[in-house]
Amino acid sequence: HYPAVLERLEALGYGGWVGCEYRP
């Protein structure tokens, strides 16, 4: 459930990029 993971990442103060390393 990526919304929860990314929400926590943002709350921690992450200021970098999130790479979309997936095969469509």
PDB file of all heavy atoms in Angstrom:
ATOM      1  N   HIS A   1       0.870  -1.182   0.000  1.00  0.00           N
ATOM      2  CA  HIS A   1       0.000   0.000   0.000  1.00  0.00           C
ATOM      3  C   HIS A   1       0.909   1.236   0.000  1.00  0.00           C
ATOM      4  O   HIS A   1       1.271   1.765   1.047  1.00  0.00           O
ATOM      5  CB  HIS A   1      -0.902  -0.016   1.230  1.00  0.00           C
ATOM      6  CG  HIS A   1      -1.878   1.115   1.266  1.00  0.00           C
ATOM      7  ND1 HIS A   1      -2.804   1.342   0.276  1.00  0.00           N
ATOM      8  CD2 HIS A   1      -2.072   2.098   2.184  1.00  0.00           C
ATOM      9  CE1 HIS A   1      -3.521   2.397   0.575  1.00  0.00           C
ATOM     10  NE2 HIS A   1      -3.097   2.880   1.715  1.00  0.00           N
ATOM     11  N   TYR A   2       1.266   1.672  -1.185  1.00  0.00           N
ATOM     12  CA  TYR A   2       2.247   2.749  -1.309  1.00  0.00           C
ATOM     13  C   TYR A   2       1.803   4.090  -0.734  1.00  0.00           C
ATOM     14  O   TYR A   2       2.657   4.861  -0.277  1.00  0.00           O
ATOM     15  CB  TYR A   2       2.684   2.902  -2.764  1.00  0.00           C
ATOM     16  CG  TYR A   2       3.861   2.020  -3.090  1.00  0.00           C
ATOM     17  CD1 TYR A   2       3.700   0.863  -3.842  1.00  0.00           C
ATOM     18  CD2 TYR A   2       5.136   2.319  -2.623  1.00  0.00           C
ATOM     19  CE1 TYR A   2       4.777   0.040  -4.133  1.00  0.00           C
ATOM     20  CE2 TYR A   2       6.217   1.513  -2.910  1.00  0.00           C
ATOM     21  CZ  TYR A   2       6.033   0.370  -3.662  1.00  0.00           C
ATOM     22  OH  TYR A   2       7.104  -0.441  -3.935  1.00  0.00           O
ATOM     23  N   PRO A   3       0.528   4.444  -0.748  1.00  0.00           N
ATOM     24  CA  PRO A   3       0.167   5.719  -0.120  1.00  0.00           C
ATOM     25  C   PRO A   3       0.660   5.821   1.322  1.00  0.00           C
ATOM     26  O   PRO A   3       1.140   6.877   1.745  1.00  0.00           O
ATOM     27  CB  PRO A   3      -1.361   5.722  -0.214  1.00  0.00           C
ATOM     28  CG  PRO A   3      -1.650   4.935  -1.447  1.00  0.00           C
ATOM     29  CD  PRO A   3      -0.631   3.844  -1.452  1.00  0.00           C
ATOM     30  N   ALA A   4       0.571   4.740   2.089  1.00  0.00           N
ATOM     31  CA  ALA A   4       1.035   4.775   3.475  1.00  0.00           C
ATOM     32  C   ALA A   4       2.553   4.893   3.547  1.00  0.00           C
ATOM     33  O   ALA A   4       3.097   5.636   4.372  1.00  0.00           O
ATOM     34  CB  ALA A   4       0.573   3.519   4.214  1.00  0.00           C
ATOM     35  N   VAL A   5       3.253   4.173   2.683  1.00  0.00           N
ATOM     36  CA  VAL A   5       4.717   4.214   2.685  1.00  0.00           C
ATOM     37  C   VAL A   5       5.210   5.607   2.303  1.00  0.00           C
ATOM     38  O   VAL A   5       6.084   6.187   2.970  1.00  0.00           O
ATOM     39  CB  VAL A   5       5.283   3.158   1.714  1.00  0.00           C
ATOM     40  CG1 VAL A   5       6.803   3.283   1.620  1.00  0.00           C
ATOM     41  CG2 VAL A   5       4.907   1.754   2.160  1.00  0.00           C
ATOM     42  N   LEU A   6       4.643   6.178   1.250  1.00  0.00           N
ATOM     43  CA  LEU A   6       5.094   7.490   0.795  1.00  0.00           C
ATOM     44  C   LEU A   6       4.670   8.601   1.752  1.00  0.00           C
ATOM     45  O   LEU A   6       5.386   9.598   1.909  1.00  0.00           O
ATOM     46  CB  LEU A   6       4.574   7.756  -0.616  1.00  0.00           C
ATOM     47  CG  LEU A   6       5.112   6.814  -1.699  1.00  0.00           C
ATOM     48  CD1 LEU A   6       4.515   7.151  -3.056  1.00  0.00           C
ATOM     49  CD2 LEU A   6       6.641   6.856  -1.761  1.00  0.00           C
ATOM     50  N   GLU A   7       3.532   8.422   2.389  1.00  0.00           N
ATOM     51  CA  GLU A   7       3.114   9.397   3.396  1.00  0.00           C
ATOM     52  C   GLU A   7       4.111   9.427   4.555  1.00  0.00           C
ATOM     53  O   GLU A   7       4.478  10.502   5.042  1.00  0.00           O
ATOM     54  CB  GLU A   7       1.719   9.045   3.910  1.00  0.00           C
ATOM     55  CG  GLU A   7       1.198  10.006   4.987  1.00  0.00           C
ATOM     56  CD  GLU A   7      -0.175   9.612   5.503  1.00  0.00           C
ATOM     57  OE1 GLU A   7      -0.810   8.725   4.902  1.00  0.00           O
ATOM     58  OE2 GLU A   7      -0.604  10.192   6.515  1.00  0.00           O
ATOM     59  N   ARG A   8       4.561   8.244   4.983  1.00  0.00           N
ATOM     60  CA  ARG A   8       5.534   8.197   6.073  1.00  0.00           C
ATOM     61  C   ARG A   8       6.874   8.759   5.628  1.00  0.00           C
ATOM     62  O   ARG A   8       7.552   9.466   6.387  1.00  0.00           O
ATOM     63  CB  ARG A   8       5.701   6.758   6.573  1.00  0.00           C
ATOM     64  CG  ARG A   8       6.613   6.645   7.791  1.00  0.00           C
ATOM     65  CD  ARG A   8       6.033   7.424   8.947  1.00  0.00           C
ATOM     66  NE  ARG A   8       6.919   7.437  10.102  1.00  0.00           N
ATOM     67  CZ  ARG A   8       7.120   8.492  10.877  1.00  0.00           C
ATOM     68  NH1 ARG A   8       6.483   9.642  10.616  1.00  0.00           N
ATOM     69  NH2 ARG A   8       7.922   8.421  11.912  1.00  0.00           N
ATOM     70  N   LEU A   9       7.273   8.463   4.410  1.00  0.00           N
ATOM     71  CA  LEU A   9       8.519   8.993   3.867  1.00  0.00           C
ATOM     72  C   LEU A   9       8.504  10.516   3.874  1.00  0.00           C
ATOM     73  O   LEU A   9       9.475  11.168   4.290  1.00  0.00           O
ATOM     74  CB  LEU A   9       8.723   8.473   2.440  1.00  0.00           C
ATOM     75  CG  LEU A   9       9.983   8.921   1.706  1.00  0.00           C
ATOM     76  CD1 LEU A   9      11.225   8.360   2.372  1.00  0.00           C
ATOM     77  CD2 LEU A   9       9.923   8.483   0.239  1.00  0.00           C
ATOM     78  N   GLU A  10       7.390  11.086   3.441  1.00  0.00           N
ATOM     79  CA  GLU A  10       7.260  12.543   3.416  1.00  0.00           C
ATOM     80  C   GLU A  10       7.253  13.111   4.827  1.00  0.00           C
ATOM     81  O   GLU A  10       7.878  14.145   5.103  1.00  0.00           O
ATOM     82  CB  GLU A  10       5.991  12.937   2.670  1.00  0.00           C
ATOM     83  CG  GLU A  10       5.883  14.411   2.358  1.00  0.00           C
ATOM     84  CD  GLU A  10       4.777  14.703   1.369  1.00  0.00           C
ATOM     85  OE1 GLU A  10       3.887  13.849   1.169  1.00  0.00           O
ATOM     86  OE2 GLU A  10       4.795  15.804   0.789  1.00  0.00           O
ATOM     87  N   ALA A  11       6.578  12.434   5.752  1.00  0.00           N
ATOM     88  CA  ALA A  11       6.517  12.902   7.137  1.00  0.00           C
ATOM     89  C   ALA A  11       7.890  12.889   7.799  1.00  0.00           C
ATOM     90  O   ALA A  11       8.184  13.715   8.668  1.00  0.00           O
ATOM     91  CB  ALA A  11       5.545  12.041   7.937  1.00  0.00           C
ATOM     92  N   LEU A  12       8.746  11.965   7.387  1.00  0.00           N
ATOM     93  CA  LEU A  12      10.107  11.899   7.925  1.00  0.00           C
ATOM     94  C   LEU A  12      10.989  13.040   7.426  1.00  0.00           C
ATOM     95  O   LEU A  12      12.070  13.270   7.953  1.00  0.00           O
ATOM     96  CB  LEU A  12      10.741  10.559   7.571  1.00  0.00           C
ATOM     97  CG  LEU A  12      10.203   9.339   8.320  1.00  0.00           C
ATOM     98  CD1 LEU A  12      10.692   8.047   7.670  1.00  0.00           C
ATOM     99  CD2 LEU A  12      10.619   9.389   9.788  1.00  0.00           C
ATOM    100  N   GLY A  13      10.506  13.749   6.401  1.00  0.00           N
ATOM    101  CA  GLY A  13      11.256  14.887   5.877  1.00  0.00           C
ATOM    102  C   GLY A  13      12.119  14.574   4.683  1.00  0.00           C
ATOM    103  O   GLY A  13      13.061  15.316   4.386  1.00  0.00           O
ATOM    104  N   TYR A  14      11.792  13.503   3.956  1.00  0.00           N
ATOM    105  CA  TYR A  14      12.591  13.138   2.790  1.00  0.00           C
ATOM    106  C   TYR A  14      12.490  14.217   1.718  1.00  0.00           C
ATOM    107  O   TYR A  14      11.392  14.611   1.319  1.00  0.00           O
ATOM    108  CB  TYR A  14      12.108  11.808   2.222  1.00  0.00           C
ATOM    109  CG  TYR A  14      12.902  11.308   1.040  1.00  0.00           C
ATOM    110  CD1 TYR A  14      14.211  10.878   1.189  1.00  0.00           C
ATOM    111  CD2 TYR A  14      12.328  11.260  -0.236  1.00  0.00           C
ATOM    112  CE1 TYR A  14      14.933  10.408   0.106  1.00  0.00           C
ATOM    113  CE2 TYR A  14      13.039  10.784  -1.322  1.00  0.00           C
ATOM    114  CZ  TYR A  14      14.349  10.361  -1.148  1.00  0.00           C
ATOM    115  OH  TYR A  14      15.062   9.898  -2.226  1.00  0.00           O
ATOM    116  N   GLY A  15      13.634  14.678   1.251  1.00  0.00           N
ATOM    117  CA  GLY A  15      13.655  15.737   0.254  1.00  0.00           C
ATOM    118  C   GLY A  15      14.206  15.309  -1.082  1.00  0.00           C
ATOM    119  O   GLY A  15      14.404  16.148  -1.966  1.00  0.00           O
ATOM    120  N   GLY A  16      14.485  14.015  -1.238  1.00  0.00           N
ATOM    121  CA  GLY A  16      15.055  13.520  -2.480  1.00  0.00           C
ATOM    122  C   GLY A  16      14.001  13.113  -3.493  1.00  0.00           C
ATOM    123  O   GLY A  16      12.838  13.504  -3.413  1.00  0.00           O
ATOM    124  N   TRP A  17      14.436  12.315  -4.460  1.00  0.00           N
ATOM    125  CA  TRP A  17      13.555  11.825  -5.509  1.00  0.00           C
ATOM    126  C   TRP A  17      13.105  10.407  -5.191  1.00  0.00           C
ATOM    127  O   TRP A  17      13.786   9.670  -4.480  1.00  0.00           O
ATOM    128  CB  TRP A  17      14.279  11.825  -6.856  1.00  0.00           C
ATOM    129  CG  TRP A  17      14.633  13.188  -7.360  1.00  0.00           C
ATOM    130  CD1 TRP A  17      15.742  13.921  -7.035  1.00  0.00           C
ATOM    131  CD2 TRP A  17      13.874  13.993  -8.271  1.00  0.00           C
ATOM    132  NE1 TRP A  17      15.725  15.124  -7.699  1.00  0.00           N
ATOM    133  CE2 TRP A  17      14.595  15.193  -8.470  1.00  0.00           C
ATOM    134  CE3 TRP A  17      12.670  13.794  -8.947  1.00  0.00           C
ATOM    135  CZ2 TRP A  17      14.131  16.203  -9.304  1.00  0.00           C
ATOM    136  CZ3 TRP A  17      12.210  14.804  -9.790  1.00  0.00           C
ATOM    137  CH2 TRP A  17      12.935  15.992  -9.962  1.00  0.00           C
ATOM    138  N   VAL A  18      11.979  10.020  -5.763  1.00  0.00           N
ATOM    139  CA  VAL A  18      11.482   8.651  -5.684  1.00  0.00           C
ATOM    140  C   VAL A  18      11.505   8.090  -7.103  1.00  0.00           C
ATOM    141  O   VAL A  18      10.755   8.539  -7.976  1.00  0.00           O
ATOM    142  CB  VAL A  18      10.064   8.585  -5.093  1.00  0.00           C
ATOM    143  CG1 VAL A  18       9.514   7.169  -5.176  1.00  0.00           C
ATOM    144  CG2 VAL A  18      10.072   9.075  -3.647  1.00  0.00           C
ATOM    145  N   GLY A  19      12.395   7.136  -7.326  1.00  0.00           N
ATOM    146  CA  GLY A  19      12.544   6.559  -8.649  1.00  0.00           C
ATOM    147  C   GLY A  19      11.484   5.514  -8.949  1.00  0.00           C
ATOM    148  O   GLY A  19      11.250   4.611  -8.144  1.00  0.00           O
ATOM    149  N   CYS A  20      10.837   5.632 -10.096  1.00  0.00           N
ATOM    150  CA  CYS A  20       9.796   4.689 -10.507  1.00  0.00           C
ATOM    151  C   CYS A  20      10.472   3.574 -11.317  1.00  0.00           C
ATOM    152  O   CYS A  20      10.440   3.567 -12.557  1.00  0.00           O
ATOM    153  CB  CYS A  20       8.734   5.404 -11.329  1.00  0.00           C
ATOM    154  SG  CYS A  20       7.944   6.759 -10.430  1.00  0.00           S
ATOM    155  N   GLU A  21      11.068   2.640 -10.603  1.00  0.00           N
ATOM    156  CA  GLU A  21      11.819   1.565 -11.252  1.00  0.00           C
ATOM    157  C   GLU A  21      10.921   0.336 -11.402  1.00  0.00           C
ATOM    158  O   GLU A  21      11.085  -0.675 -10.727  1.00  0.00           O
ATOM    159  CB  GLU A  21      13.083   1.226 -10.457  1.00  0.00           C
ATOM    160  CG  GLU A  21      14.049   0.365 -11.255  1.00  0.00           C
ATOM    161  CD  GLU A  21      15.294  -0.023 -10.484  1.00  0.00           C
ATOM    162  OE1 GLU A  21      15.202  -0.261  -9.265  1.00  0.00           O
ATOM    163  OE2 GLU A  21      16.366  -0.089 -11.110  1.00  0.00           O
ATOM    164  N   TYR A  22       9.948   0.462 -12.297  1.00  0.00           N
ATOM    165  CA  TYR A  22       9.021  -0.639 -12.514  1.00  0.00           C
ATOM    166  C   TYR A  22       8.823  -0.882 -14.007  1.00  0.00           C
ATOM    167  O   TYR A  22       9.089  -0.019 -14.840  1.00  0.00           O
ATOM    168  CB  TYR A  22       7.680  -0.371 -11.830  1.00  0.00           C
ATOM    169  CG  TYR A  22       6.864   0.782 -12.378  1.00  0.00           C
ATOM    170  CD1 TYR A  22       6.060   0.626 -13.503  1.00  0.00           C
ATOM    171  CD2 TYR A  22       6.865   2.030 -11.748  1.00  0.00           C
ATOM    172  CE1 TYR A  22       5.296   1.672 -14.006  1.00  0.00           C
ATOM    173  CE2 TYR A  22       6.103   3.083 -12.228  1.00  0.00           C
ATOM    174  CZ  TYR A  22       5.316   2.893 -13.355  1.00  0.00           C
ATOM    175  OH  TYR A  22       4.566   3.940 -13.845  1.00  0.00           O
ATOM    176  N   ARG A  23       8.366  -2.097 -14.316  1.00  0.00           N
ATOM    177  CA  ARG A  23       8.044  -2.469 -15.687  1.00  0.00           C
ATOM    178  C   ARG A  23       6.550  -2.269 -15.909  1.00  0.00           C
ATOM    179  O   ARG A  23       5.738  -2.986 -15.302  1.00  0.00           O
ATOM    180  CB  ARG A  23       8.414  -3.930 -15.949  1.00  0.00           C
ATOM    181  CG  ARG A  23       9.900  -4.224 -15.929  1.00  0.00           C
ATOM    182  CD  ARG A  23      10.167  -5.682 -16.306  1.00  0.00           C
ATOM    183  NE  ARG A  23       9.695  -6.580 -15.258  1.00  0.00           N
ATOM    184  CZ  ARG A  23      10.462  -7.026 -14.258  1.00  0.00           C
ATOM    185  NH1 ARG A  23      11.731  -6.641 -14.174  1.00  0.00           N
ATOM    186  NH2 ARG A  23       9.961  -7.844 -13.348  1.00  0.00           N
ATOM    187  N   PRO A  24       6.152  -1.316 -16.720  1.00  0.00           N
ATOM    188  CA  PRO A  24       4.719  -1.114 -16.952  1.00  0.00           C
ATOM    189  C   PRO A  24       4.040  -2.394 -17.420  1.00  0.00           C
ATOM    190  O   PRO A  24       4.596  -3.157 -18.218  1.00  0.00           O
ATOM    191  CB  PRO A  24       4.687  -0.033 -18.040  1.00  0.00           C
ATOM    192  CG  PRO A  24       5.983   0.718 -17.847  1.00  0.00           C
ATOM    193  CD  PRO A  24       6.976  -0.328 -17.456  1.00  0.00           C
TER     194      PRO A  24
END
